[in-house]
Amino acid sequence: MSESQNRRSLHQCQIPVRWGDMDAYGHVNNALYMRYLEEARVQLLAKIGASMDGNGTDPVVINVGCTFLRPITYPATVNINCLVGEIGRSSFMVWYELSTTDNPDELYSEGYSKVVWMDHNTGRSVPLPDIIRNNIS
C-alpha cells in the first residue's frame, strides 16, 4: 500500500480570501497559506478532541511545508481538505489539499505538518492520548 493510501480525510473547511491577503503580485501572499493551514489544523485538532491550553500535554507542530501549484486571487473561497496518516507513538502527519469553491477539482496548493504531543512541563514528547489515537485511526 502506498503512503498516500494510508491517509484518511478527517476534516474539510472553507476560508474566504480577504482583499488584504493578496500581495503586490496580485495573488494570495505565500505566508497567508501558512495561516490557512493553521486554521484548518486547529479546527481538525478541536474536532478530534485535542486540548490546546498549553498547561499539560498538548499538540505542537514540529514542521510544516507548502507547495504552491497555482495562484489564488481575490475574490475566492479556499477549500481545505485535511488528511491524517503516519500515526506514530507521539505524532501524526497532516496533509492539506487546497482548492477553491469555484474550481474544486483543481489543486492550488498542497501542504503538510507533523503534529507531536508534548508535555509542556518537561518539553518532551509523550504518547498520543487514547482519545486522539482512536479519533484519527
N, C-alpha and C. Protein backbone atom coordinates (compact mmCIF):
# COMPACT_ATOMS: atom_id res chain seq x y z
N MET A 1 0.84 -1.18 0.00
CA MET A 1 0.00 0.00 0.00
C MET A 1 0.89 1.24 0.00
N SER A 2 0.61 2.17 -0.88
CA SER A 2 1.43 3.37 -0.96
C SER A 2 1.12 4.30 0.21
N GLU A 3 2.05 5.23 0.44
CA GLU A 3 1.91 6.17 1.56
C GLU A 3 0.61 6.95 1.46
N SER A 4 0.24 7.41 0.26
CA SER A 4 -0.98 8.21 0.14
C SER A 4 -2.23 7.39 0.42
N GLN A 5 -2.18 6.07 0.25
CA GLN A 5 -3.34 5.24 0.55
C GLN A 5 -3.55 5.09 2.05
N ASN A 6 -2.54 5.39 2.86
CA ASN A 6 -2.67 5.32 4.31
C ASN A 6 -3.24 6.60 4.89
N ARG A 7 -3.50 7.60 4.07
CA ARG A 7 -4.04 8.87 4.52
C ARG A 7 -5.56 8.81 4.54
N ARG A 8 -6.12 9.41 5.57
CA ARG A 8 -7.57 9.41 5.73
C ARG A 8 -8.06 10.84 5.88
N SER A 9 -9.01 11.23 5.05
CA SER A 9 -9.58 12.58 5.15
C SER A 9 -10.42 12.67 6.41
N LEU A 10 -10.08 13.62 7.29
CA LEU A 10 -10.79 13.75 8.56
C LEU A 10 -11.48 15.10 8.75
N HIS A 11 -11.14 16.07 7.93
CA HIS A 11 -11.73 17.39 8.13
C HIS A 11 -11.63 18.20 6.85
N GLN A 12 -12.69 18.95 6.57
CA GLN A 12 -12.69 19.89 5.47
C GLN A 12 -13.23 21.22 6.00
N CYS A 13 -12.68 22.30 5.47
CA CYS A 13 -13.19 23.61 5.86
C CYS A 13 -13.04 24.57 4.69
N GLN A 14 -13.69 25.71 4.82
CA GLN A 14 -13.61 26.76 3.81
C GLN A 14 -13.18 28.05 4.48
N ILE A 15 -12.28 28.76 3.82
CA ILE A 15 -11.79 30.03 4.34
C ILE A 15 -11.89 31.08 3.24
N PRO A 16 -12.64 32.16 3.48
CA PRO A 16 -12.73 33.21 2.46
C PRO A 16 -11.43 33.98 2.35
N VAL A 17 -11.03 34.28 1.13
CA VAL A 17 -9.85 35.10 0.88
C VAL A 17 -10.26 36.56 1.08
N ARG A 18 -9.46 37.28 1.84
CA ARG A 18 -9.70 38.71 2.05
C ARG A 18 -8.87 39.51 1.06
N TRP A 19 -9.32 40.69 0.73
CA TRP A 19 -8.58 41.56 -0.18
C TRP A 19 -7.14 41.75 0.31
N GLY A 20 -6.97 41.93 1.61
CA GLY A 20 -5.65 42.15 2.19
C GLY A 20 -4.75 40.92 2.20
N ASP A 21 -5.27 39.75 1.83
CA ASP A 21 -4.44 38.54 1.75
C ASP A 21 -3.53 38.56 0.52
N MET A 22 -3.85 39.43 -0.43
CA MET A 22 -3.06 39.47 -1.67
C MET A 22 -1.81 40.33 -1.49
N ASP A 23 -0.82 40.06 -2.32
CA ASP A 23 0.41 40.82 -2.27
C ASP A 23 0.56 41.69 -3.53
N ALA A 24 1.73 42.27 -3.70
CA ALA A 24 1.98 43.16 -4.84
C ALA A 24 1.87 42.45 -6.18
N TYR A 25 1.97 41.13 -6.19
CA TYR A 25 1.85 40.37 -7.44
C TYR A 25 0.39 40.06 -7.79
N GLY A 26 -0.55 40.46 -6.94
CA GLY A 26 -1.97 40.29 -7.23
C GLY A 26 -2.52 38.91 -6.92
N HIS A 27 -1.81 38.14 -6.08
CA HIS A 27 -2.34 36.84 -5.65
C HIS A 27 -2.10 36.69 -4.16
N VAL A 28 -2.72 35.67 -3.56
CA VAL A 28 -2.56 35.45 -2.13
C VAL A 28 -1.08 35.28 -1.79
N ASN A 29 -0.64 36.06 -0.81
CA ASN A 29 0.76 36.01 -0.37
C ASN A 29 1.08 34.64 0.19
N ASN A 30 2.28 34.13 -0.11
CA ASN A 30 2.68 32.80 0.33
C ASN A 30 2.55 32.61 1.84
N ALA A 31 2.85 33.63 2.62
CA ALA A 31 2.78 33.50 4.08
C ALA A 31 1.35 33.23 4.55
N LEU A 32 0.36 33.72 3.80
CA LEU A 32 -1.03 33.52 4.20
C LEU A 32 -1.43 32.06 4.11
N TYR A 33 -0.80 31.30 3.23
CA TYR A 33 -1.12 29.88 3.12
C TYR A 33 -0.83 29.18 4.46
N MET A 34 0.21 29.60 5.16
CA MET A 34 0.52 29.01 6.46
C MET A 34 -0.61 29.30 7.45
N ARG A 35 -1.20 30.48 7.35
CA ARG A 35 -2.35 30.82 8.20
C ARG A 35 -3.55 29.96 7.86
N TYR A 36 -3.78 29.73 6.56
CA TYR A 36 -4.88 28.87 6.15
C TYR A 36 -4.67 27.45 6.68
N LEU A 37 -3.45 26.94 6.56
CA LEU A 37 -3.16 25.59 7.07
C LEU A 37 -3.34 25.55 8.58
N GLU A 38 -2.89 26.59 9.26
CA GLU A 38 -3.03 26.66 10.72
C GLU A 38 -4.50 26.61 11.12
N GLU A 39 -5.33 27.41 10.47
CA GLU A 39 -6.75 27.43 10.82
C GLU A 39 -7.39 26.06 10.61
N ALA A 40 -7.08 25.42 9.48
CA ALA A 40 -7.62 24.08 9.20
C ALA A 40 -7.13 23.08 10.25
N ARG A 41 -5.85 23.17 10.62
CA ARG A 41 -5.27 22.24 11.61
C ARG A 41 -5.91 22.45 12.98
N VAL A 42 -6.12 23.69 13.40
CA VAL A 42 -6.73 23.96 14.70
C VAL A 42 -8.16 23.41 14.72
N GLN A 43 -8.89 23.60 13.63
CA GLN A 43 -10.24 23.04 13.55
C GLN A 43 -10.19 21.51 13.63
N LEU A 44 -9.24 20.90 12.92
CA LEU A 44 -9.08 19.44 12.95
C LEU A 44 -8.77 18.98 14.37
N LEU A 45 -7.82 19.62 15.03
CA LEU A 45 -7.43 19.22 16.38
C LEU A 45 -8.60 19.33 17.35
N ALA A 46 -9.38 20.40 17.24
CA ALA A 46 -10.56 20.54 18.10
C ALA A 46 -11.56 19.41 17.82
N LYS A 47 -11.72 19.08 16.55
CA LYS A 47 -12.67 18.03 16.15
C LYS A 47 -12.29 16.67 16.73
N ILE A 48 -10.99 16.39 16.85
CA ILE A 48 -10.55 15.08 17.35
C ILE A 48 -10.36 15.06 18.87
N GLY A 49 -10.68 16.17 19.54
CA GLY A 49 -10.66 16.19 20.99
C GLY A 49 -9.40 16.69 21.64
N ALA A 50 -8.56 17.41 20.91
CA ALA A 50 -7.31 17.91 21.48
C ALA A 50 -7.56 19.15 22.33
N SER A 51 -6.91 19.18 23.50
CA SER A 51 -6.90 20.42 24.27
C SER A 51 -5.68 21.20 23.79
N MET A 52 -5.79 22.50 23.81
CA MET A 52 -4.68 23.32 23.32
C MET A 52 -4.49 24.51 24.25
N ASP A 53 -4.42 24.23 25.57
CA ASP A 53 -4.28 25.32 26.51
C ASP A 53 -2.85 25.56 26.97
N GLY A 54 -1.93 24.67 26.60
CA GLY A 54 -0.53 24.87 26.95
C GLY A 54 -0.19 24.59 28.40
N ASN A 55 -1.11 23.97 29.12
CA ASN A 55 -0.88 23.72 30.55
C ASN A 55 -0.55 22.27 30.88
N GLY A 56 -0.59 21.41 29.93
CA GLY A 56 -0.35 19.99 30.22
C GLY A 56 0.30 19.33 29.05
N THR A 57 -0.40 18.36 28.47
CA THR A 57 0.10 17.71 27.28
C THR A 57 -0.80 18.12 26.12
N ASP A 58 -0.20 18.74 25.15
CA ASP A 58 -0.94 19.32 24.03
C ASP A 58 -0.16 19.09 22.73
N PRO A 59 -0.84 19.28 21.60
CA PRO A 59 -0.16 19.15 20.31
C PRO A 59 0.70 20.37 20.00
N VAL A 60 1.84 20.12 19.39
CA VAL A 60 2.70 21.17 18.83
C VAL A 60 3.08 20.74 17.41
N VAL A 61 3.39 21.70 16.59
CA VAL A 61 3.82 21.43 15.22
C VAL A 61 5.34 21.49 15.19
N ILE A 62 5.97 20.43 14.65
CA ILE A 62 7.43 20.45 14.58
C ILE A 62 7.95 20.72 13.17
N ASN A 63 7.10 20.59 12.16
CA ASN A 63 7.48 21.06 10.83
C ASN A 63 6.23 21.29 10.00
N VAL A 64 6.38 22.14 9.03
CA VAL A 64 5.26 22.48 8.15
C VAL A 64 5.83 22.89 6.81
N GLY A 65 5.11 22.57 5.75
CA GLY A 65 5.57 22.95 4.42
C GLY A 65 4.40 23.10 3.47
N CYS A 66 4.67 23.76 2.36
CA CYS A 66 3.61 24.03 1.40
C CYS A 66 4.22 24.12 0.01
N THR A 67 3.55 23.52 -0.95
CA THR A 67 3.92 23.62 -2.35
C THR A 67 2.84 24.42 -3.05
N PHE A 68 3.24 25.48 -3.72
CA PHE A 68 2.31 26.37 -4.40
C PHE A 68 2.20 25.94 -5.85
N LEU A 69 1.01 25.52 -6.26
CA LEU A 69 0.82 24.98 -7.60
C LEU A 69 0.20 26.00 -8.56
N ARG A 70 -0.75 26.78 -8.07
CA ARG A 70 -1.44 27.80 -8.86
C ARG A 70 -1.76 28.97 -7.95
N PRO A 71 -1.73 30.18 -8.45
CA PRO A 71 -2.06 31.32 -7.59
C PRO A 71 -3.56 31.40 -7.31
N ILE A 72 -3.88 31.85 -6.11
CA ILE A 72 -5.26 32.13 -5.73
C ILE A 72 -5.39 33.65 -5.66
N THR A 73 -6.48 34.17 -6.22
CA THR A 73 -6.71 35.61 -6.22
C THR A 73 -8.08 35.92 -5.63
N TYR A 74 -8.19 37.12 -5.11
CA TYR A 74 -9.45 37.63 -4.58
C TYR A 74 -10.37 37.98 -5.74
N PRO A 75 -11.65 37.73 -5.66
CA PRO A 75 -12.36 37.06 -4.57
C PRO A 75 -12.31 35.55 -4.76
N ALA A 76 -12.22 34.84 -3.67
CA ALA A 76 -12.21 33.38 -3.71
C ALA A 76 -12.50 32.86 -2.31
N THR A 77 -12.92 31.61 -2.26
CA THR A 77 -13.04 30.89 -1.00
C THR A 77 -12.21 29.63 -1.15
N VAL A 78 -11.30 29.42 -0.21
CA VAL A 78 -10.39 28.29 -0.25
C VAL A 78 -11.04 27.09 0.43
N ASN A 79 -11.03 25.95 -0.26
CA ASN A 79 -11.42 24.67 0.33
C ASN A 79 -10.15 24.00 0.84
N ILE A 80 -10.17 23.52 2.06
CA ILE A 80 -9.01 22.80 2.59
C ILE A 80 -9.47 21.43 3.05
N ASN A 81 -8.85 20.40 2.50
CA ASN A 81 -9.10 19.02 2.90
C ASN A 81 -7.91 18.58 3.74
N CYS A 82 -8.16 18.13 4.97
CA CYS A 82 -7.10 17.67 5.89
C CYS A 82 -7.12 16.14 5.93
N LEU A 83 -5.98 15.56 5.63
CA LEU A 83 -5.83 14.11 5.67
C LEU A 83 -4.80 13.75 6.73
N VAL A 84 -5.06 12.68 7.46
CA VAL A 84 -4.17 12.25 8.55
C VAL A 84 -3.59 10.89 8.21
N GLY A 85 -2.33 10.69 8.57
CA GLY A 85 -1.67 9.41 8.36
C GLY A 85 -0.36 9.35 9.12
N GLU A 86 0.39 8.29 8.87
CA GLU A 86 1.68 8.07 9.53
C GLU A 86 1.57 8.31 11.03
N ILE A 87 0.70 7.56 11.66
CA ILE A 87 0.47 7.71 13.09
C ILE A 87 1.56 6.96 13.84
N GLY A 88 2.28 7.70 14.67
CA GLY A 88 3.37 7.11 15.45
C GLY A 88 3.03 7.07 16.93
N ARG A 89 4.05 6.87 17.74
CA ARG A 89 3.88 6.80 19.19
C ARG A 89 3.35 8.12 19.75
N SER A 90 3.94 9.22 19.31
CA SER A 90 3.59 10.52 19.87
C SER A 90 3.20 11.54 18.80
N SER A 91 3.11 11.11 17.54
CA SER A 91 2.88 12.08 16.48
C SER A 91 2.05 11.50 15.34
N PHE A 92 1.62 12.39 14.48
CA PHE A 92 0.99 12.00 13.22
C PHE A 92 1.20 13.12 12.21
N MET A 93 1.06 12.76 10.95
CA MET A 93 1.19 13.72 9.86
C MET A 93 -0.19 14.20 9.44
N VAL A 94 -0.25 15.46 9.05
CA VAL A 94 -1.44 16.03 8.45
C VAL A 94 -1.04 16.56 7.08
N TRP A 95 -1.80 16.18 6.06
CA TRP A 95 -1.60 16.70 4.71
C TRP A 95 -2.79 17.57 4.37
N TYR A 96 -2.54 18.59 3.57
CA TYR A 96 -3.58 19.55 3.21
C TYR A 96 -3.67 19.63 1.69
N GLU A 97 -4.89 19.65 1.19
CA GLU A 97 -5.14 19.86 -0.22
C GLU A 97 -6.00 21.12 -0.34
N LEU A 98 -5.50 22.13 -1.04
CA LEU A 98 -6.21 23.39 -1.17
C LEU A 98 -6.74 23.55 -2.59
N SER A 99 -8.02 23.83 -2.68
CA SER A 99 -8.68 24.15 -3.94
C SER A 99 -9.54 25.39 -3.67
N THR A 100 -10.38 25.77 -4.60
CA THR A 100 -11.30 26.87 -4.37
C THR A 100 -12.72 26.39 -4.64
N THR A 101 -13.69 27.11 -4.09
CA THR A 101 -15.08 26.72 -4.32
C THR A 101 -15.46 26.88 -5.79
N ASP A 102 -14.82 27.80 -6.49
CA ASP A 102 -15.09 27.99 -7.92
C ASP A 102 -14.46 26.91 -8.79
N ASN A 103 -13.42 26.27 -8.27
CA ASN A 103 -12.69 25.28 -9.04
C ASN A 103 -12.27 24.13 -8.11
N PRO A 104 -13.23 23.38 -7.57
CA PRO A 104 -12.92 22.39 -6.53
C PRO A 104 -12.09 21.19 -6.99
N ASP A 105 -12.04 20.93 -8.28
CA ASP A 105 -11.28 19.79 -8.77
C ASP A 105 -9.83 20.12 -9.12
N GLU A 106 -9.44 21.39 -8.99
CA GLU A 106 -8.08 21.83 -9.32
C GLU A 106 -7.31 22.11 -8.04
N LEU A 107 -6.16 21.45 -7.85
CA LEU A 107 -5.32 21.73 -6.67
C LEU A 107 -4.55 23.02 -6.88
N TYR A 108 -4.65 23.91 -5.92
CA TYR A 108 -3.91 25.16 -5.96
C TYR A 108 -2.66 25.07 -5.10
N SER A 109 -2.72 24.22 -4.08
CA SER A 109 -1.60 24.08 -3.17
C SER A 109 -1.73 22.77 -2.41
N GLU A 110 -0.59 22.23 -2.01
CA GLU A 110 -0.53 21.05 -1.15
C GLU A 110 0.39 21.37 0.02
N GLY A 111 0.03 20.91 1.20
CA GLY A 111 0.86 21.18 2.36
C GLY A 111 0.93 20.00 3.29
N TYR A 112 1.73 20.14 4.33
CA TYR A 112 1.88 19.09 5.33
C TYR A 112 2.33 19.70 6.64
N SER A 113 2.08 18.98 7.72
CA SER A 113 2.66 19.33 9.01
C SER A 113 2.75 18.06 9.85
N LYS A 114 3.72 18.04 10.72
CA LYS A 114 3.87 16.94 11.67
C LYS A 114 3.46 17.48 13.04
N VAL A 115 2.49 16.80 13.64
CA VAL A 115 1.95 17.20 14.93
C VAL A 115 2.44 16.21 15.98
N VAL A 116 3.02 16.74 17.05
CA VAL A 116 3.58 15.90 18.13
C VAL A 116 2.93 16.30 19.44
N TRP A 117 2.59 15.30 20.25
CA TRP A 117 2.08 15.58 21.59
C TRP A 117 3.26 15.82 22.51
N MET A 118 3.18 16.89 23.27
CA MET A 118 4.30 17.30 24.12
C MET A 118 3.81 17.64 25.52
N ASP A 119 4.62 17.28 26.49
CA ASP A 119 4.40 17.69 27.87
C ASP A 119 5.04 19.06 28.02
N HIS A 120 4.23 20.07 28.26
CA HIS A 120 4.75 21.44 28.35
C HIS A 120 5.63 21.66 29.58
N ASN A 121 5.49 20.79 30.58
CA ASN A 121 6.33 20.93 31.78
C ASN A 121 7.73 20.40 31.56
N THR A 122 7.86 19.34 30.78
CA THR A 122 9.18 18.73 30.56
C THR A 122 9.78 19.10 29.20
N GLY A 123 8.94 19.54 28.27
CA GLY A 123 9.42 19.83 26.92
C GLY A 123 9.68 18.59 26.10
N ARG A 124 9.18 17.44 26.54
CA ARG A 124 9.41 16.17 25.85
C ARG A 124 8.11 15.64 25.26
N SER A 125 8.28 14.84 24.21
CA SER A 125 7.11 14.21 23.60
C SER A 125 6.54 13.15 24.53
N VAL A 126 5.24 12.94 24.40
CA VAL A 126 4.53 11.92 25.17
C VAL A 126 3.66 11.13 24.20
N PRO A 127 3.25 9.91 24.60
CA PRO A 127 2.38 9.14 23.72
C PRO A 127 1.09 9.89 23.39
N LEU A 128 0.58 9.67 22.19
CA LEU A 128 -0.71 10.24 21.81
C LEU A 128 -1.77 9.79 22.82
N PRO A 129 -2.61 10.70 23.29
CA PRO A 129 -3.70 10.29 24.17
C PRO A 129 -4.61 9.29 23.44
N ASP A 130 -5.17 8.36 24.19
CA ASP A 130 -6.03 7.33 23.60
C ASP A 130 -7.17 7.93 22.79
N ILE A 131 -7.80 9.00 23.30
CA ILE A 131 -8.91 9.59 22.58
C ILE A 131 -8.46 10.12 21.21
N ILE A 132 -7.28 10.69 21.15
CA ILE A 132 -6.75 11.21 19.88
C ILE A 132 -6.45 10.06 18.94
N ARG A 133 -5.75 9.07 19.45
CA ARG A 133 -5.40 7.89 18.62
C ARG A 133 -6.68 7.24 18.06
N ASN A 134 -7.69 7.09 18.90
CA ASN A 134 -8.94 6.49 18.46
C ASN A 134 -9.65 7.34 17.41
N ASN A 135 -9.58 8.65 17.55
CA ASN A 135 -10.27 9.53 16.62
C ASN A 135 -9.56 9.72 15.28
N ILE A 136 -8.28 9.36 15.21
CA ILE A 136 -7.56 9.52 13.93
C ILE A 136 -7.26 8.20 13.26
N SER A 137 -7.48 7.08 13.96
CA SER A 137 -7.17 5.76 13.38
C SER A 137 -8.29 5.24 12.52
